[in-house]
Structures are given as structure tokens and as C-alpha cells.
């Protein structure tokens, strides 16, 4: 992955989404060489430089809404023009929408298994 540094503002936005989703069992981990939000051991979002990428499912209305954000694009962690079609990279300019996309990404993985 093309490692991108994150500003303190982007990091704070990521941390806010992590805190918002913590009650639903989401934890901070690593994926694609970046800090990520994990649910049921699966990545649902990650910090990517000045943006946050969310796994929303390519056919979902949330995926379309994320791509409609100014500057948003399909997430290409390698930078080699091989984007992940289920993931959308949403820039910090749309940080106010990050919590909503975080919830949508969590919903996209389905229900949590019961212990």
C-alpha cells in the first residue's frame, strides 16, 4: 500500500468514528498497512492519509452516497489503478459524513455472531 501520512484532524476524525462504533463491538486494528476499524475480525474502514475508506458494498445506496461526496473515489490501497469496488475513499472535507458511513459499513457486514 502507498503509505499516506494523516493529519491530526484526519486522525481525530477516525478516532471519533472509532469511539462512536465502539459500543457495537468495533475495535481499532490494522489493514492495508493503515489504522482500521474492525468488526468480527473484518475490516470495515481504514484511515488513508487525509481520507477514510469505508467498505460499503458496491450496490448499496450508501456506496452511491459516498461516491457522491466531493473528491470521493473508489479506494485503491496500492495506488496501482486496482480499486476495490466495494470500498469508497471519502476525503476529510466530508468528515461530517464519516460517522454515517462508518455505521453503514458496520451494517454491511451483517449481524454479529452471538457468544
Protein backbone atom coordinates (compact mmCIF):
# COMPACT_ATOMS: atom_id res chain seq x y z
CA UNK A 1 0.00 0.00 0.00
CA UNK A 2 1.09 3.52 -0.72
CA UNK A 3 1.53 4.77 2.86
CA UNK A 4 -0.04 8.19 3.32
CA UNK A 5 0.50 10.30 6.40
CA UNK A 6 -2.59 11.56 8.19
CA UNK A 7 -3.02 14.99 9.73
CA UNK A 8 -4.08 15.36 13.34
CA UNK A 9 -7.52 16.44 12.05
CA UNK A 10 -7.98 13.28 9.96
CA UNK A 11 -6.70 11.13 12.83
CA UNK A 12 -9.15 12.82 15.21
CA UNK A 13 -11.99 12.15 12.74
CA UNK A 14 -11.01 8.48 12.56
CA UNK A 15 -10.84 8.29 16.38
CA UNK A 16 -14.30 9.88 16.65
CA UNK A 17 -15.79 7.24 14.32
CA UNK A 18 -13.97 4.51 16.29
CA UNK A 19 -15.41 5.85 19.57
CA UNK A 20 -18.88 6.12 18.04
CA UNK A 21 -18.81 2.47 16.90
CA UNK A 22 -17.03 1.01 19.95
CA UNK A 23 -20.33 0.16 21.64
CA UNK A 24 -21.19 -2.05 18.66
CA UNK A 25 -18.04 -4.11 19.16
CA UNK A 26 -15.85 -2.29 16.64
CA UNK A 27 -12.16 -2.20 17.54
CA UNK A 28 -9.14 -0.42 16.10
CA UNK A 29 -6.73 -2.68 14.23
CA UNK A 30 -4.57 -2.70 11.11
CA UNK A 31 -5.39 -3.40 7.47
CA UNK A 32 -3.73 -2.32 4.22
CA UNK A 33 -0.86 -1.06 6.41
CA UNK A 34 -3.12 1.54 7.99
CA UNK A 35 -5.19 2.01 11.13
CA UNK A 36 -8.51 0.34 10.59
CA UNK A 37 -11.87 -0.28 12.18
CA UNK A 38 -12.55 -3.97 12.61
CA UNK A 39 -15.81 -5.81 13.32
CA UNK A 40 -15.92 -9.59 13.69
CA UNK A 41 -12.23 -9.60 12.65
CA UNK A 42 -13.12 -7.97 9.32
CA UNK A 43 -12.03 -4.51 8.21
CA UNK A 44 -14.94 -2.14 7.68
CA UNK A 45 -12.99 1.12 7.32
CA UNK A 46 -9.46 2.50 7.41
CA UNK A 47 -7.63 5.78 7.67
CA UNK A 48 -5.92 6.61 4.37
CA UNK A 49 -3.95 9.84 4.52
CA UNK A 50 -6.43 12.70 4.56
CA UNK A 51 -9.37 10.41 3.90
CA UNK A 52 -11.15 7.46 5.36
CA UNK A 53 -12.12 4.44 3.27
CA UNK A 54 -15.31 2.52 4.03
CA UNK A 55 -16.42 -0.92 2.86
CA UNK A 56 -19.99 -0.17 1.82
CA UNK A 57 -20.88 -2.78 -0.81
CA UNK A 58 -20.91 -1.68 -4.43
CA UNK A 59 -24.69 -1.98 -4.91
CA UNK A 60 -25.72 -0.16 -1.72
CA UNK A 61 -27.29 3.30 -1.59
CA UNK A 62 -24.60 4.27 0.95
CA UNK A 63 -21.88 3.39 -1.59
CA UNK A 64 -23.53 5.71 -4.13
CA UNK A 65 -23.90 8.43 -1.48
CA UNK A 66 -20.23 8.14 -0.51
CA UNK A 67 -19.11 8.37 -4.13
CA UNK A 68 -21.26 11.49 -4.49
CA UNK A 69 -19.17 13.29 -1.83
CA UNK A 70 -16.80 15.87 -3.41
CA UNK A 71 -13.41 14.25 -4.06
CA UNK A 72 -14.56 10.73 -3.11
CA UNK A 73 -13.39 7.82 -5.24
CA UNK A 74 -13.12 4.06 -5.19
CA UNK A 75 -10.43 3.01 -2.69
CA UNK A 76 -7.17 1.98 -4.33
CA UNK A 77 -4.86 0.99 -1.45
CA UNK A 78 -1.95 0.09 -3.74
CA UNK A 79 -2.18 3.24 -5.86
CA UNK A 80 -1.75 0.96 -8.90
CA UNK A 81 -5.16 1.60 -10.50
CA UNK A 82 -6.70 -1.51 -8.96
CA UNK A 83 -9.52 -0.06 -6.84
CA UNK A 84 -11.64 -2.15 -4.53
CA UNK A 85 -15.17 -1.83 -5.89
CA UNK A 86 -16.87 -2.28 -2.50
CA UNK A 87 -14.76 0.42 -0.82
CA UNK A 88 -15.07 4.22 -1.11
CA UNK A 89 -12.32 6.66 -0.08
CA UNK A 90 -14.05 9.72 1.44
CA UNK A 91 -11.86 12.84 1.92
CA UNK A 92 -11.58 14.79 5.17
CA UNK A 93 -13.58 17.62 3.58
CA UNK A 94 -16.58 15.29 4.09
CA UNK A 95 -15.55 14.28 7.62
CA UNK A 96 -19.01 15.18 8.95
CA UNK A 97 -20.32 12.19 6.95
CA UNK A 98 -17.71 9.72 8.23
CA UNK A 99 -19.82 8.51 11.20
CA UNK A 100 -22.77 7.75 8.91
CA UNK A 101 -20.55 5.82 6.52
CA UNK A 102 -19.00 4.01 9.48
CA UNK A 103 -22.44 2.85 10.61
CA UNK A 104 -23.31 1.84 7.05
CA UNK A 105 -20.06 -0.16 6.75
CA UNK A 106 -20.84 -1.93 10.03
CA UNK A 107 -24.35 -2.77 8.80
CA UNK A 108 -22.85 -4.08 5.55
CA UNK A 109 -21.06 -6.97 7.31
CA UNK A 110 -24.26 -8.35 8.77
CA UNK A 111 -25.18 -9.26 12.35
CA UNK A 112 -22.55 -10.11 14.91
CA UNK A 113 -22.29 -13.75 15.91
CA UNK A 114 -23.71 -14.44 19.36
CA UNK A 115 -21.37 -15.90 22.00
